[in-house]
Amino acid sequence: MPPFFYTQNLKFIRYISMIHLTTSASAQTLKVIPRSYASSVSMILRDDSTNTSTTYSSISTSTDKNYLVVSQALSPVLVEGRFYDLTIKEGSNVIYKDKVFCTDQAVASYTVNSGEYTVPTGNDVFDNDYIVIWKINQI
């Protein structure tokens, strides 16, 4: 008797997104979907590179449909190209956690090596050409 196989075709769409902030010292707005909605929260930003945390307390929030809107001026100013861990708390309860990336570039056109790599032009186009010489021995 042949074995019985059960197959199921499932299609999952996974969308991974993170919050993008800039190095601006003015107020920046975050829209998040928290575990619970609060009118006042505290926010902790931990720099992944230096492992230092900055806490912002008593931040007034608002709601926009299903989003909790948090607006806060960040001091010290965030550093370009760094990742941060964001924790939003209502009292001692964590209501939201996420990863934050700091960049002043437009997110849609962000590139890691902005200005570091240039496409060769003119006489430099053939600098990466090489010649391979093979010796074939007959047996």
C-alpha atoms as a PDB file:
ATOM      1  CA  MET A   1       0.000   0.000   0.000  1.00  0.00           C
ATOM      2  CA  PRO A   2       1.490   3.395  -0.937  1.00  0.00           C
ATOM      3  CA  PRO A   3       2.126   5.833   1.874  1.00  0.00           C
ATOM      4  CA  PHE A   4      -0.410   8.558   2.438  1.00  0.00           C
ATOM      5  CA  PHE A   5       0.925  12.074   2.044  1.00  0.00           C
ATOM      6  CA  TYR A   6      -0.931  15.150   3.047  1.00  0.00           C
ATOM      7  CA  THR A   7       0.210  18.358   1.455  1.00  0.00           C
ATOM      8  CA  GLN A   8      -1.121  21.796   1.979  1.00  0.00           C
ATOM      9  CA  ASN A   9      -0.230  24.815  -0.077  1.00  0.00           C
ATOM     10  CA  LEU A  10      -0.054  27.786   2.215  1.00  0.00           C
ATOM     11  CA  LYS A  11       1.036  31.190   1.112  1.00  0.00           C
ATOM     12  CA  PHE A  12       2.301  33.528   3.776  1.00  0.00           C
ATOM     13  CA  ILE A  13       3.235  37.099   3.255  1.00  0.00           C
ATOM     14  CA  ARG A  14       5.703  38.374   5.768  1.00  0.00           C
ATOM     15  CA  TYR A  15       6.201  42.084   6.022  1.00  0.00           C
ATOM     16  CA  ILE A  16       9.030  43.281   8.186  1.00  0.00           C
ATOM     17  CA  SER A  17       9.189  46.951   8.934  1.00  0.00           C
ATOM     18  CA  MET A  18      11.040  49.090  11.403  1.00  0.00           C
ATOM     19  CA  ILE A  19      10.688  52.652  12.534  1.00  0.00           C
ATOM     20  CA  HIS A  20      12.893  55.225  10.818  1.00  0.00           C
ATOM     21  CA  LEU A  21      13.938  58.363  12.659  1.00  0.00           C
ATOM     22  CA  THR A  22      16.272  61.198  11.697  1.00  0.00           C
ATOM     23  CA  THR A  23      19.095  63.033  13.432  1.00  0.00           C
ATOM     24  CA  SER A  24      16.855  66.080  13.878  1.00  0.00           C
ATOM     25  CA  ALA A  25      16.628  67.684  17.321  1.00  0.00           C
ATOM     26  CA  SER A  26      13.013  68.726  16.710  1.00  0.00           C
ATOM     27  CA  ALA A  27      10.009  66.584  17.697  1.00  0.00           C
ATOM     28  CA  GLN A  28       9.615  63.352  15.749  1.00  0.00           C
ATOM     29  CA  THR A  29       6.348  61.451  15.530  1.00  0.00           C
ATOM     30  CA  LEU A  30       5.944  57.694  15.889  1.00  0.00           C
ATOM     31  CA  LYS A  31       2.771  55.791  15.040  1.00  0.00           C
ATOM     32  CA  VAL A  32       2.607  52.381  16.694  1.00  0.00           C
ATOM     33  CA  ILE A  33       0.028  49.709  17.444  1.00  0.00           C
ATOM     34  CA  PRO A  34       0.570  48.965  21.156  1.00  0.00           C
ATOM     35  CA  ARG A  35      -0.731  46.200  23.429  1.00  0.00           C
ATOM     36  CA  SER A  36      -2.832  48.792  25.233  1.00  0.00           C
ATOM     37  CA  TYR A  37      -3.573  52.466  24.685  1.00  0.00           C
ATOM     38  CA  ALA A  38      -2.450  55.062  27.211  1.00  0.00           C
ATOM     39  CA  SER A  39      -2.704  58.844  27.421  1.00  0.00           C
ATOM     40  CA  SER A  40       0.770  59.185  28.942  1.00  0.00           C
ATOM     41  CA  VAL A  41       3.750  56.898  28.359  1.00  0.00           C
ATOM     42  CA  SER A  42       7.485  56.708  28.902  1.00  0.00           C
ATOM     43  CA  MET A  43       9.842  55.839  26.064  1.00  0.00           C
ATOM     44  CA  ILE A  44      13.260  54.201  26.309  1.00  0.00           C
ATOM     45  CA  LEU A  45      15.722  54.310  23.397  1.00  0.00           C
ATOM     46  CA  ARG A  46      18.771  52.052  23.721  1.00  0.00           C
ATOM     47  CA  ASP A  47      21.677  52.543  21.303  1.00  0.00           C
ATOM     48  CA  ASP A  48      22.752  49.111  20.013  1.00  0.00           C
ATOM     49  CA  SER A  49      26.333  50.286  19.397  1.00  0.00           C
ATOM     50  CA  THR A  50      27.085  51.799  22.793  1.00  0.00           C
ATOM     51  CA  ASN A  51      24.434  49.995  24.892  1.00  0.00           C
ATOM     52  CA  THR A  52      23.389  53.302  26.473  1.00  0.00           C
ATOM     53  CA  SER A  53      19.741  54.054  27.185  1.00  0.00           C
ATOM     54  CA  THR A  54      17.879  57.349  27.246  1.00  0.00           C
ATOM     55  CA  THR A  55      14.486  57.542  28.959  1.00  0.00           C
ATOM     56  CA  TYR A  56      11.826  60.089  28.039  1.00  0.00           C
ATOM     57  CA  SER A  57       9.102  60.296  30.701  1.00  0.00           C
ATOM     58  CA  SER A  58       5.536  61.634  30.796  1.00  0.00           C
ATOM     59  CA  ILE A  59       4.990  61.807  27.042  1.00  0.00           C
ATOM     60  CA  SER A  60       1.440  62.752  26.092  1.00  0.00           C
ATOM     61  CA  THR A  61      -0.035  60.573  23.352  1.00  0.00           C
ATOM     62  CA  SER A  62      -3.014  60.650  21.024  1.00  0.00           C
ATOM     63  CA  THR A  63      -4.775  58.044  18.908  1.00  0.00           C
ATOM     64  CA  ASP A  64      -5.276  57.939  15.167  1.00  0.00           C
ATOM     65  CA  LYS A  65      -7.612  55.056  14.280  1.00  0.00           C
ATOM     66  CA  ASN A  66      -5.737  51.998  15.641  1.00  0.00           C
ATOM     67  CA  TYR A  67      -2.442  53.810  16.129  1.00  0.00           C
ATOM     68  CA  LEU A  68      -0.975  55.343  19.243  1.00  0.00           C
ATOM     69  CA  VAL A  69       0.754  58.575  18.196  1.00  0.00           C
ATOM     70  CA  VAL A  70       3.838  59.557  20.175  1.00  0.00           C
ATOM     71  CA  SER A  71       5.613  62.837  19.439  1.00  0.00           C
ATOM     72  CA  GLN A  72       8.882  63.612  21.204  1.00  0.00           C
ATOM     73  CA  ALA A  73      12.004  65.743  20.672  1.00  0.00           C
ATOM     74  CA  LEU A  74      14.996  63.443  21.095  1.00  0.00           C
ATOM     75  CA  SER A  75      17.929  64.723  23.103  1.00  0.00           C
ATOM     76  CA  PRO A  76      20.701  63.631  22.797  1.00  0.00           C
ATOM     77  CA  VAL A  77      20.251  63.621  19.030  1.00  0.00           C
ATOM     78  CA  LEU A  78      20.323  60.203  17.370  1.00  0.00           C
ATOM     79  CA  VAL A  79      23.404  59.183  15.372  1.00  0.00           C
ATOM     80  CA  GLU A  80      23.189  58.582  11.614  1.00  0.00           C
ATOM     81  CA  GLY A  81      23.354  54.920  10.562  1.00  0.00           C
ATOM     82  CA  ARG A  82      22.776  53.439  14.029  1.00  0.00           C
ATOM     83  CA  PHE A  83      20.151  51.024  15.283  1.00  0.00           C
ATOM     84  CA  TYR A  84      18.199  51.586  18.484  1.00  0.00           C
ATOM     85  CA  ASP A  85      15.844  49.448  20.558  1.00  0.00           C
ATOM     86  CA  LEU A  86      12.584  51.245  21.345  1.00  0.00           C
ATOM     87  CA  THR A  87      10.511  50.375  24.405  1.00  0.00           C
ATOM     88  CA  ILE A  88       7.288  52.197  25.235  1.00  0.00           C
ATOM     89  CA  LYS A  89       5.879  51.719  28.729  1.00  0.00           C
ATOM     90  CA  GLU A  90       2.656  52.613  30.482  1.00  0.00           C
ATOM     91  CA  GLY A  91       3.814  52.814  34.081  1.00  0.00           C
ATOM     92  CA  SER A  92       5.871  49.631  34.520  1.00  0.00           C
ATOM     93  CA  ASN A  93       4.043  47.661  31.790  1.00  0.00           C
ATOM     94  CA  VAL A  94       5.715  47.363  28.395  1.00  0.00           C
ATOM     95  CA  ILE A  95       3.114  48.128  25.737  1.00  0.00           C
ATOM     96  CA  TYR A  96       5.342  48.282  22.651  1.00  0.00           C
ATOM     97  CA  LYS A  97       8.831  47.206  21.504  1.00  0.00           C
ATOM     98  CA  ASP A  98      10.475  47.737  18.143  1.00  0.00           C
ATOM     99  CA  LYS A  99      13.744  48.365  16.340  1.00  0.00           C
ATOM    100  CA  VAL A 100      14.578  51.913  15.179  1.00  0.00           C
ATOM    101  CA  PHE A 101      17.022  52.915  12.463  1.00  0.00           C
ATOM    102  CA  CYS A 102      18.362  56.460  12.245  1.00  0.00           C
ATOM    103  CA  THR A 103      18.975  57.990   8.821  1.00  0.00           C
ATOM    104  CA  ASP A 104      18.580  61.360   7.134  1.00  0.00           C
ATOM    105  CA  GLN A 105      18.321  59.730   3.716  1.00  0.00           C
ATOM    106  CA  ALA A 106      14.925  59.112   2.144  1.00  0.00           C
ATOM    107  CA  VAL A 107      13.886  55.628   3.207  1.00  0.00           C
ATOM    108  CA  ALA A 108      12.732  54.615  -0.298  1.00  0.00           C
ATOM    109  CA  SER A 109      16.167  55.397  -1.786  1.00  0.00           C
ATOM    110  CA  TYR A 110      18.342  54.463   1.213  1.00  0.00           C
ATOM    111  CA  THR A 111      21.679  52.887   0.400  1.00  0.00           C
ATOM    112  CA  VAL A 112      24.271  51.634   2.856  1.00  0.00           C
ATOM    113  CA  ASN A 113      27.243  52.787   0.824  1.00  0.00           C
ATOM    114  CA  SER A 114      26.005  56.240  -0.130  1.00  0.00           C
ATOM    115  CA  GLY A 115      28.898  58.058  -1.813  1.00  0.00           C
ATOM    116  CA  GLU A 116      31.426  55.295  -1.050  1.00  0.00           C
ATOM    117  CA  TYR A 117      31.119  53.276  -4.250  1.00  0.00           C
ATOM    118  CA  THR A 118      31.146  54.806  -7.694  1.00  0.00           C
ATOM    119  CA  VAL A 119      30.550  53.082 -10.998  1.00  0.00           C
ATOM    120  CA  PRO A 120      33.699  53.133 -13.137  1.00  0.00           C
ATOM    121  CA  THR A 121      33.522  55.343 -16.213  1.00  0.00           C
ATOM    122  CA  GLY A 122      35.866  56.224 -19.054  1.00  0.00           C
ATOM    123  CA  ASN A 123      39.274  54.489 -18.907  1.00  0.00           C
ATOM    124  CA  ASP A 124      38.469  52.864 -15.534  1.00  0.00           C
ATOM    125  CA  VAL A 125      35.758  50.618 -16.993  1.00  0.00           C
ATOM    126  CA  PHE A 126      38.174  47.799 -17.824  1.00  0.00           C
ATOM    127  CA  ASP A 127      40.238  47.875 -14.613  1.00  0.00           C
ATOM    128  CA  ASN A 128      38.648  44.626 -13.382  1.00  0.00           C
ATOM    129  CA  ASP A 129      39.385  42.625 -16.543  1.00  0.00           C
ATOM    130  CA  TYR A 130      41.785  39.739 -16.209  1.00  0.00           C
ATOM    131  CA  ILE A 131      43.264  37.055 -18.413  1.00  0.00           C
ATOM    132  CA  VAL A 132      43.304  33.389 -17.467  1.00  0.00           C
ATOM    133  CA  ILE A 133      45.999  31.170 -19.004  1.00  0.00           C
ATOM    134  CA  TRP A 134      45.450  27.452 -18.808  1.00  0.00           C
ATOM    135  CA  LYS A 135      47.980  24.801 -19.525  1.00  0.00           C
ATOM    136  CA  ILE A 136      46.408  21.578 -20.702  1.00  0.00           C
ATOM    137  CA  ASN A 137      48.492  18.437 -20.320  1.00  0.00           C
ATOM    138  CA  GLN A 138      47.733  15.539 -22.590  1.00  0.00           C
ATOM    139  CA  ILE A 139      47.898  12.093 -21.147  1.00  0.00           C
END
